[in-house]
Amino acid sequence: MTFALRPDVSATDTEYGMVLLDEADGRYWQLNSTGALVLRALLEGATSQQTAQRLSERYPALPRERAADDVAALVRSLTAARLVVTA
């Protein structure tokens, strides 16, 4: 599954992660550095499994199963908020 930001959503990197602006309704969403890492990986074409692997490599104390659950939870949240679309 491939992810993309909706056309009316813009993303800006910050010192602490990333901010998403839904230009359709003016709402802002803030991602911490881990959430930003996950979203960047998905937007670059990584699968959810590959993204979970990246997380567990970056944070060795994080079990891969937990990383996969965290990636899935963020994908659900971003999809529910209508910030991303899937292809």
PDB file of N, CA and C in Angstrom:
ATOM      1  N   MET A   1       0.844  -1.169   0.000  1.00  0.00           N
ATOM      2  CA  MET A   1       0.000   0.000   0.000  1.00  0.00           C
ATOM      3  C   MET A   1       0.893   1.237   0.000  1.00  0.00           C
ATOM      4  N   THR A   2       0.577   2.193  -0.864  1.00  0.00           N
ATOM      5  CA  THR A   2       1.337   3.430  -0.976  1.00  0.00           C
ATOM      6  C   THR A   2       0.548   4.566  -0.335  1.00  0.00           C
ATOM      7  N   PHE A   3       1.259   5.432   0.381  1.00  0.00           N
ATOM      8  CA  PHE A   3       0.624   6.552   1.068  1.00  0.00           C
ATOM      9  C   PHE A   3       1.041   7.870   0.437  1.00  0.00           C
ATOM     10  N   ALA A   4       0.129   8.832   0.475  1.00  0.00           N
ATOM     11  CA  ALA A   4       0.410  10.198   0.036  1.00  0.00           C
ATOM     12  C   ALA A   4      -0.427  11.135   0.890  1.00  0.00           C
ATOM     13  N   LEU A   5       0.087  12.340   1.080  1.00  0.00           N
ATOM     14  CA  LEU A   5      -0.720  13.355   1.749  1.00  0.00           C
ATOM     15  C   LEU A   5      -1.840  13.758   0.813  1.00  0.00           C
ATOM     16  N   ARG A   6      -3.001  14.068   1.366  1.00  0.00           N
ATOM     17  CA  ARG A   6      -4.064  14.622   0.541  1.00  0.00           C
ATOM     18  C   ARG A   6      -3.548  15.895  -0.119  1.00  0.00           C
ATOM     19  N   PRO A   7      -4.025  16.234  -1.299  1.00  0.00           N
ATOM     20  CA  PRO A   7      -3.516  17.424  -1.999  1.00  0.00           C
ATOM     21  C   PRO A   7      -3.628  18.719  -1.198  1.00  0.00           C
ATOM     22  N   ASP A   8      -4.608  18.822  -0.321  1.00  0.00           N
ATOM     23  CA  ASP A   8      -4.774  20.050   0.453  1.00  0.00           C
ATOM     24  C   ASP A   8      -4.183  19.955   1.865  1.00  0.00           C
ATOM     25  N   VAL A   9      -3.254  19.018   2.045  1.00  0.00           N
ATOM     26  CA  VAL A   9      -2.527  18.882   3.316  1.00  0.00           C
ATOM     27  C   VAL A   9      -1.058  19.191   3.044  1.00  0.00           C
ATOM     28  N   SER A  10      -0.498  20.079   3.839  1.00  0.00           N
ATOM     29  CA  SER A  10       0.927  20.386   3.697  1.00  0.00           C
ATOM     30  C   SER A  10       1.658  19.959   4.962  1.00  0.00           C
ATOM     31  N   ALA A  11       2.921  19.622   4.800  1.00  0.00           N
ATOM     32  CA  ALA A  11       3.751  19.157   5.910  1.00  0.00           C
ATOM     33  C   ALA A  11       4.978  20.044   6.032  1.00  0.00           C
ATOM     34  N   THR A  12       5.330  20.344   7.269  1.00  0.00           N
ATOM     35  CA  THR A  12       6.518  21.147   7.543  1.00  0.00           C
ATOM     36  C   THR A  12       7.298  20.487   8.667  1.00  0.00           C
ATOM     37  N   ASP A  13       8.593  20.281   8.428  1.00  0.00           N
ATOM     38  CA  ASP A  13       9.452  19.746   9.481  1.00  0.00           C
ATOM     39  C   ASP A  13       9.676  20.820  10.535  1.00  0.00           C
ATOM     40  N   THR A  14       9.738  20.386  11.779  1.00  0.00           N
ATOM     41  CA  THR A  14      10.022  21.288  12.895  1.00  0.00           C
ATOM     42  C   THR A  14      11.178  20.716  13.699  1.00  0.00           C
ATOM     43  N   GLU A  15      11.617  21.464  14.656  1.00  0.00           N
ATOM     44  CA  GLU A  15      12.686  21.008  15.543  1.00  0.00           C
ATOM     45  C   GLU A  15      12.276  19.742  16.304  1.00  0.00           C
ATOM     46  N   TYR A  16      10.977  19.565  16.508  1.00  0.00           N
ATOM     47  CA  TYR A  16      10.480  18.459  17.330  1.00  0.00           C
ATOM     48  C   TYR A  16       9.788  17.360  16.542  1.00  0.00           C
ATOM     49  N   GLY A  17       9.696  17.499  15.232  1.00  0.00           N
ATOM     50  CA  GLY A  17       9.036  16.486  14.425  1.00  0.00           C
ATOM     51  C   GLY A  17       8.480  17.069  13.151  1.00  0.00           C
ATOM     52  N   MET A  18       7.154  17.151  13.073  1.00  0.00           N
ATOM     53  CA  MET A  18       6.509  17.618  11.854  1.00  0.00           C
ATOM     54  C   MET A  18       5.131  18.183  12.199  1.00  0.00           C
ATOM     55  N   VAL A  19       4.715  19.183  11.449  1.00  0.00           N
ATOM     56  CA  VAL A  19       3.372  19.735  11.580  1.00  0.00           C
ATOM     57  C   VAL A  19       2.671  19.551  10.241  1.00  0.00           C
ATOM     58  N   LEU A  20       1.432  19.084  10.313  1.00  0.00           N
ATOM     59  CA  LEU A  20       0.606  18.927   9.129  1.00  0.00           C
ATOM     60  C   LEU A  20      -0.516  19.955   9.198  1.00  0.00           C
ATOM     61  N   LEU A  21      -0.786  20.615   8.097  1.00  0.00           N
ATOM     62  CA  LEU A  21      -1.869  21.588   8.025  1.00  0.00           C
ATOM     63  C   LEU A  21      -2.888  21.100   7.013  1.00  0.00           C
ATOM     64  N   ASP A  22      -4.103  20.916   7.488  1.00  0.00           N
ATOM     65  CA  ASP A  22      -5.208  20.585   6.599  1.00  0.00           C
ATOM     66  C   ASP A  22      -5.780  21.912   6.122  1.00  0.00           C
ATOM     67  N   GLU A  23      -5.411  22.307   4.925  1.00  0.00           N
ATOM     68  CA  GLU A  23      -5.804  23.612   4.394  1.00  0.00           C
ATOM     69  C   GLU A  23      -7.300  23.708   4.125  1.00  0.00           C
ATOM     70  N   ALA A  24      -7.986  22.573   4.040  1.00  0.00           N
ATOM     71  CA  ALA A  24      -9.428  22.579   3.796  1.00  0.00           C
ATOM     72  C   ALA A  24     -10.201  23.092   5.010  1.00  0.00           C
ATOM     73  N   ASP A  25      -9.737  22.749   6.194  1.00  0.00           N
ATOM     74  CA  ASP A  25     -10.458  23.195   7.390  1.00  0.00           C
ATOM     75  C   ASP A  25      -9.602  23.979   8.385  1.00  0.00           C
ATOM     76  N   GLY A  26      -8.336  24.199   8.049  1.00  0.00           N
ATOM     77  CA  GLY A  26      -7.467  25.016   8.894  1.00  0.00           C
ATOM     78  C   GLY A  26      -6.949  24.330  10.141  1.00  0.00           C
ATOM     79  N   ARG A  27      -7.098  23.033  10.241  1.00  0.00           N
ATOM     80  CA  ARG A  27      -6.636  22.303  11.428  1.00  0.00           C
ATOM     81  C   ARG A  27      -5.168  21.912  11.272  1.00  0.00           C
ATOM     82  N   TYR A  28      -4.456  21.992  12.394  1.00  0.00           N
ATOM     83  CA  TYR A  28      -3.059  21.591  12.460  1.00  0.00           C
ATOM     84  C   TYR A  28      -2.948  20.269  13.210  1.00  0.00           C
ATOM     85  N   TRP A  29      -1.974  19.477  12.805  1.00  0.00           N
ATOM     86  CA  TRP A  29      -1.670  18.221  13.482  1.00  0.00           C
ATOM     87  C   TRP A  29      -0.173  18.198  13.731  1.00  0.00           C
ATOM     88  N   GLN A  30       0.228  17.822  14.917  1.00  0.00           N
ATOM     89  CA  GLN A  30       1.644  17.781  15.254  1.00  0.00           C
ATOM     90  C   GLN A  30       2.077  16.339  15.475  1.00  0.00           C
ATOM     91  N   LEU A  31       3.190  15.971  14.837  1.00  0.00           N
ATOM     92  CA  LEU A  31       3.791  14.653  15.030  1.00  0.00           C
ATOM     93  C   LEU A  31       5.112  14.833  15.747  1.00  0.00           C
ATOM     94  N   ASN A  32       5.379  13.966  16.708  1.00  0.00           N
ATOM     95  CA  ASN A  32       6.691  14.003  17.344  1.00  0.00           C
ATOM     96  C   ASN A  32       7.723  13.427  16.373  1.00  0.00           C
ATOM     97  N   SER A  33       8.974  13.372  16.780  1.00  0.00           N
ATOM     98  CA  SER A  33      10.029  12.939  15.855  1.00  0.00           C
ATOM     99  C   SER A  33       9.818  11.505  15.375  1.00  0.00           C
ATOM    100  N   THR A  34       9.291  10.646  16.217  1.00  0.00           N
ATOM    101  CA  THR A  34       9.047   9.264  15.809  1.00  0.00           C
ATOM    102  C   THR A  34       7.902   9.197  14.806  1.00  0.00           C
ATOM    103  N   GLY A  35       6.833   9.924  15.068  1.00  0.00           N
ATOM    104  CA  GLY A  35       5.721   9.968  14.122  1.00  0.00           C
ATOM    105  C   GLY A  35       6.149  10.539  12.786  1.00  0.00           C
ATOM    106  N   ALA A  36       6.995  11.560  12.826  1.00  0.00           N
ATOM    107  CA  ALA A  36       7.507  12.157  11.596  1.00  0.00           C
ATOM    108  C   ALA A  36       8.355  11.153  10.822  1.00  0.00           C
ATOM    109  N   LEU A  37       9.177  10.395  11.527  1.00  0.00           N
ATOM    110  CA  LEU A  37      10.001   9.361  10.874  1.00  0.00           C
ATOM    111  C   LEU A  37       9.103   8.349  10.169  1.00  0.00           C
ATOM    112  N   VAL A  38       8.041   7.926  10.850  1.00  0.00           N
ATOM    113  CA  VAL A  38       7.116   6.952  10.272  1.00  0.00           C
ATOM    114  C   VAL A  38       6.437   7.532   9.036  1.00  0.00           C
ATOM    115  N   LEU A  39       5.910   8.744   9.148  1.00  0.00           N
ATOM    116  CA  LEU A  39       5.209   9.332   8.009  1.00  0.00           C
ATOM    117  C   LEU A  39       6.152   9.546   6.828  1.00  0.00           C
ATOM    118  N   ARG A  40       7.357  10.042   7.088  1.00  0.00           N
ATOM    119  CA  ARG A  40       8.318  10.237   5.985  1.00  0.00           C
ATOM    120  C   ARG A  40       8.603   8.925   5.268  1.00  0.00           C
ATOM    121  N   ALA A  41       8.834   7.865   6.046  1.00  0.00           N
ATOM    122  CA  ALA A  41       9.130   6.563   5.446  1.00  0.00           C
ATOM    123  C   ALA A  41       7.965   6.096   4.566  1.00  0.00           C
ATOM    124  N   LEU A  42       6.749   6.235   5.074  1.00  0.00           N
ATOM    125  CA  LEU A  42       5.583   5.807   4.298  1.00  0.00           C
ATOM    126  C   LEU A  42       5.408   6.644   3.040  1.00  0.00           C
ATOM    127  N   LEU A  43       5.625   7.946   3.158  1.00  0.00           N
ATOM    128  CA  LEU A  43       5.495   8.814   1.988  1.00  0.00           C
ATOM    129  C   LEU A  43       6.582   8.547   0.950  1.00  0.00           C
ATOM    130  N   GLU A  44       7.727   8.037   1.406  1.00  0.00           N
ATOM    131  CA  GLU A  44       8.818   7.686   0.489  1.00  0.00           C
ATOM    132  C   GLU A  44       8.608   6.333  -0.177  1.00  0.00           C
ATOM    133  N   GLY A  45       7.532   5.647   0.198  1.00  0.00           N
ATOM    134  CA  GLY A  45       7.222   4.379  -0.446  1.00  0.00           C
ATOM    135  C   GLY A  45       7.513   3.138   0.361  1.00  0.00           C
ATOM    136  N   ALA A  46       7.999   3.292   1.583  1.00  0.00           N
ATOM    137  CA  ALA A  46       8.251   2.124   2.425  1.00  0.00           C
ATOM    138  C   ALA A  46       6.917   1.493   2.829  1.00  0.00           C
ATOM    139  N   THR A  47       6.908   0.193   2.942  1.00  0.00           N
ATOM    140  CA  THR A  47       5.709  -0.487   3.438  1.00  0.00           C
ATOM    141  C   THR A  47       5.628  -0.300   4.953  1.00  0.00           C
ATOM    142  N   SER A  48       4.492  -0.640   5.507  1.00  0.00           N
ATOM    143  CA  SER A  48       4.345  -0.569   6.961  1.00  0.00           C
ATOM    144  C   SER A  48       5.367  -1.471   7.652  1.00  0.00           C
ATOM    145  N   GLN A  49       5.617  -2.647   7.087  1.00  0.00           N
ATOM    146  CA  GLN A  49       6.582  -3.574   7.665  1.00  0.00           C
ATOM    147  C   GLN A  49       8.001  -3.003   7.596  1.00  0.00           C
ATOM    148  N   GLN A  50       8.354  -2.418   6.461  1.00  0.00           N
ATOM    149  CA  GLN A  50       9.676  -1.804   6.331  1.00  0.00           C
ATOM    150  C   GLN A  50       9.828  -0.633   7.294  1.00  0.00           C
ATOM    151  N   THR A  51       8.761   0.119   7.482  1.00  0.00           N
ATOM    152  CA  THR A  51       8.792   1.249   8.403  1.00  0.00           C
ATOM    153  C   THR A  51       8.975   0.762   9.829  1.00  0.00           C
ATOM    154  N   ALA A  52       8.285  -0.298  10.204  1.00  0.00           N
ATOM    155  CA  ALA A  52       8.450  -0.876  11.543  1.00  0.00           C
ATOM    156  C   ALA A  52       9.884  -1.353  11.743  1.00  0.00           C
ATOM    157  N   GLN A  53      10.469  -1.932  10.700  1.00  0.00           N
ATOM    158  CA  GLN A  53      11.864  -2.372  10.782  1.00  0.00           C
ATOM    159  C   GLN A  53      12.791  -1.185  11.023  1.00  0.00           C
ATOM    160  N   ARG A  54      12.554  -0.083  10.304  1.00  0.00           N
ATOM    161  CA  ARG A  54      13.361   1.133  10.501  1.00  0.00           C
ATOM    162  C   ARG A  54      13.257   1.627  11.935  1.00  0.00           C
ATOM    163  N   LEU A  55      12.046   1.600  12.482  1.00  0.00           N
ATOM    164  CA  LEU A  55      11.856   2.044  13.868  1.00  0.00           C
ATOM    165  C   LEU A  55      12.630   1.167  14.835  1.00  0.00           C
ATOM    166  N   SER A  56      12.521  -0.149  14.654  1.00  0.00           N
ATOM    167  CA  SER A  56      13.206  -1.048  15.585  1.00  0.00           C
ATOM    168  C   SER A  56      14.725  -0.968  15.432  1.00  0.00           C
ATOM    169  N   GLU A  57      15.213  -0.608  14.246  1.00  0.00           N
ATOM    170  CA  GLU A  57      16.653  -0.402  14.073  1.00  0.00           C
ATOM    171  C   GLU A  57      17.099   0.901  14.730  1.00  0.00           C
ATOM    172  N   ARG A  58      16.276   1.935  14.628  1.00  0.00           N
ATOM    173  CA  ARG A  58      16.628   3.219  15.232  1.00  0.00           C
ATOM    174  C   ARG A  58      16.537   3.178  16.748  1.00  0.00           C
ATOM    175  N   TYR A  59      15.575   2.434  17.255  1.00  0.00           N
ATOM    176  CA  TYR A  59      15.364   2.302  18.701  1.00  0.00           C
ATOM    177  C   TYR A  59      15.501   0.828  19.074  1.00  0.00           C
ATOM    178  N   PRO A  60      16.729   0.359  19.326  1.00  0.00           N
ATOM    179  CA  PRO A  60      16.981  -1.066  19.554  1.00  0.00           C
ATOM    180  C   PRO A  60      16.165  -1.685  20.695  1.00  0.00           C
ATOM    181  N   ALA A  61      15.748  -0.889  21.662  1.00  0.00           N
ATOM    182  CA  ALA A  61      14.960  -1.433  22.770  1.00  0.00           C
ATOM    183  C   ALA A  61      13.497  -1.664  22.378  1.00  0.00           C
ATOM    184  N   LEU A  62      13.105  -1.182  21.212  1.00  0.00           N
ATOM    185  CA  LEU A  62      11.722  -1.315  20.757  1.00  0.00           C
ATOM    186  C   LEU A  62      11.564  -2.621  19.983  1.00  0.00           C
ATOM    187  N   PRO A  63      10.786  -3.556  20.518  1.00  0.00           N
ATOM    188  CA  PRO A  63      10.573  -4.818  19.787  1.00  0.00           C
ATOM    189  C   PRO A  63       9.859  -4.563  18.459  1.00  0.00           C
ATOM    190  N   ARG A  64      10.194  -5.338  17.457  1.00  0.00           N
ATOM    191  CA  ARG A  64       9.631  -5.129  16.119  1.00  0.00           C
ATOM    192  C   ARG A  64       8.108  -5.233  16.124  1.00  0.00           C
ATOM    193  N   GLU A  65       7.552  -6.137  16.941  1.00  0.00           N
ATOM    194  CA  GLU A  65       6.099  -6.286  17.010  1.00  0.00           C
ATOM    195  C   GLU A  65       5.448  -5.008  17.528  1.00  0.00           C
ATOM    196  N   ARG A  66       6.061  -4.400  18.523  1.00  0.00           N
ATOM    197  CA  ARG A  66       5.531  -3.139  19.069  1.00  0.00           C
ATOM    198  C   ARG A  66       5.660  -2.031  18.035  1.00  0.00           C
ATOM    199  N   ALA A  67       6.781  -1.999  17.313  1.00  0.00           N
ATOM    200  CA  ALA A  67       6.974  -1.001  16.258  1.00  0.00           C
ATOM    201  C   ALA A  67       5.892  -1.157  15.194  1.00  0.00           C
ATOM    202  N   ALA A  68       5.576  -2.391  14.829  1.00  0.00           N
ATOM    203  CA  ALA A  68       4.535  -2.639  13.824  1.00  0.00           C
ATOM    204  C   ALA A  68       3.177  -2.154  14.328  1.00  0.00           C
ATOM    205  N   ASP A  69       2.888  -2.392  15.608  1.00  0.00           N
ATOM    206  CA  ASP A  69       1.631  -1.910  16.190  1.00  0.00           C
ATOM    207  C   ASP A  69       1.582  -0.387  16.185  1.00  0.00           C
ATOM    208  N   ASP A  70       2.705   0.259  16.504  1.00  0.00           N
ATOM    209  CA  ASP A  70       2.760   1.722  16.529  1.00  0.00           C
ATOM    210  C   ASP A  70       2.571   2.313  15.129  1.00  0.00           C
ATOM    211  N   VAL A  71       3.197   1.698  14.135  1.00  0.00           N
ATOM    212  CA  VAL A  71       3.036   2.163  12.746  1.00  0.00           C
ATOM    213  C   VAL A  71       1.571   2.028  12.330  1.00  0.00           C
ATOM    214  N   ALA A  72       0.976   0.883  12.630  1.00  0.00           N
ATOM    215  CA  ALA A  72      -0.426   0.657  12.265  1.00  0.00           C
ATOM    216  C   ALA A  72      -1.345   1.670  12.954  1.00  0.00           C
ATOM    217  N   ALA A  73      -1.071   1.974  14.212  1.00  0.00           N
ATOM    218  CA  ALA A  73      -1.896   2.939  14.946  1.00  0.00           C
ATOM    219  C   ALA A  73      -1.787   4.330  14.325  1.00  0.00           C
ATOM    220  N   LEU A  74      -0.579   4.730  13.936  1.00  0.00           N
ATOM    221  CA  LEU A  74      -0.423   6.045  13.318  1.00  0.00           C
ATOM    222  C   LEU A  74      -1.115   6.087  11.963  1.00  0.00           C
ATOM    223  N   VAL A  75      -1.003   5.026  11.194  1.00  0.00           N
ATOM    224  CA  VAL A  75      -1.676   4.967   9.892  1.00  0.00           C
ATOM    225  C   VAL A  75      -3.187   5.088  10.086  1.00  0.00           C
ATOM    226  N   ARG A  76      -3.728   4.399  11.071  1.00  0.00           N
ATOM    227  CA  ARG A  76      -5.173   4.498  11.345  1.00  0.00           C
ATOM    228  C   ARG A  76      -5.556   5.931  11.709  1.00  0.00           C
ATOM    229  N   SER A  77      -4.745   6.566  12.543  1.00  0.00           N
ATOM    230  CA  SER A  77      -5.041   7.941  12.971  1.00  0.00           C
ATOM    231  C   SER A  77      -4.973   8.919  11.803  1.00  0.00           C
ATOM    232  N   LEU A  78      -3.936   8.801  10.989  1.00  0.00           N
ATOM    233  CA  LEU A  78      -3.784   9.696   9.840  1.00  0.00           C
ATOM    234  C   LEU A  78      -4.899   9.490   8.821  1.00  0.00           C
ATOM    235  N   THR A  79      -5.296   8.247   8.647  1.00  0.00           N
ATOM    236  CA  THR A  79      -6.380   7.936   7.716  1.00  0.00           C
ATOM    237  C   THR A  79      -7.712   8.445   8.256  1.00  0.00           C
ATOM    238  N   ALA A  80      -7.973   8.225   9.535  1.00  0.00           N
ATOM    239  CA  ALA A  80      -9.221   8.689  10.152  1.00  0.00           C
ATOM    240  C   ALA A  80      -9.332  10.206  10.107  1.00  0.00           C
ATOM    241  N   ALA A  81      -8.186  10.890  10.251  1.00  0.00           N
ATOM    242  CA  ALA A  81      -8.173  12.355  10.204  1.00  0.00           C
ATOM    243  C   ALA A  81      -8.213  12.864   8.759  1.00  0.00           C
ATOM    244  N   ARG A  82      -8.196  11.941   7.810  1.00  0.00           N
ATOM    245  CA  ARG A  82      -8.229  12.265   6.378  1.00  0.00           C
ATOM    246  C   ARG A  82      -7.040  13.124   5.954  1.00  0.00           C
ATOM    247  N   LEU A  83      -5.882  12.813   6.514  1.00  0.00           N
ATOM    248  CA  LEU A  83      -4.651  13.539   6.157  1.00  0.00           C
ATOM    249  C   LEU A  83      -3.898  12.832   5.046  1.00  0.00           C
ATOM    250  N   VAL A  84      -4.065  11.528   4.959  1.00  0.00           N
ATOM    251  CA  VAL A  84      -3.376  10.745   3.931  1.00  0.00           C
ATOM    252  C   VAL A  84      -4.391   9.980   3.107  1.00  0.00           C
ATOM    253  N   VAL A  85      -3.963   9.619   1.923  1.00  0.00           N
ATOM    254  CA  VAL A  85      -4.736   8.738   1.052  1.00  0.00           C
ATOM    255  C   VAL A  85      -3.856   7.550   0.713  1.00  0.00           C
ATOM    256  N   THR A  86      -4.479   6.440   0.411  1.00  0.00           N
ATOM    257  CA  THR A  86      -3.730   5.241   0.067  1.00  0.00           C
ATOM    258  C   THR A  86      -4.050   4.834  -1.368  1.00  0.00           C
ATOM    259  N   ALA A  87      -3.072   4.183  -1.962  1.00  0.00           N
ATOM    260  CA  ALA A  87      -3.254   3.713  -3.335  1.00  0.00           C
ATOM    261  C   ALA A  87      -2.978   2.233  -3.393  1.00  0.00           C
TER     262      ALA A  87
END
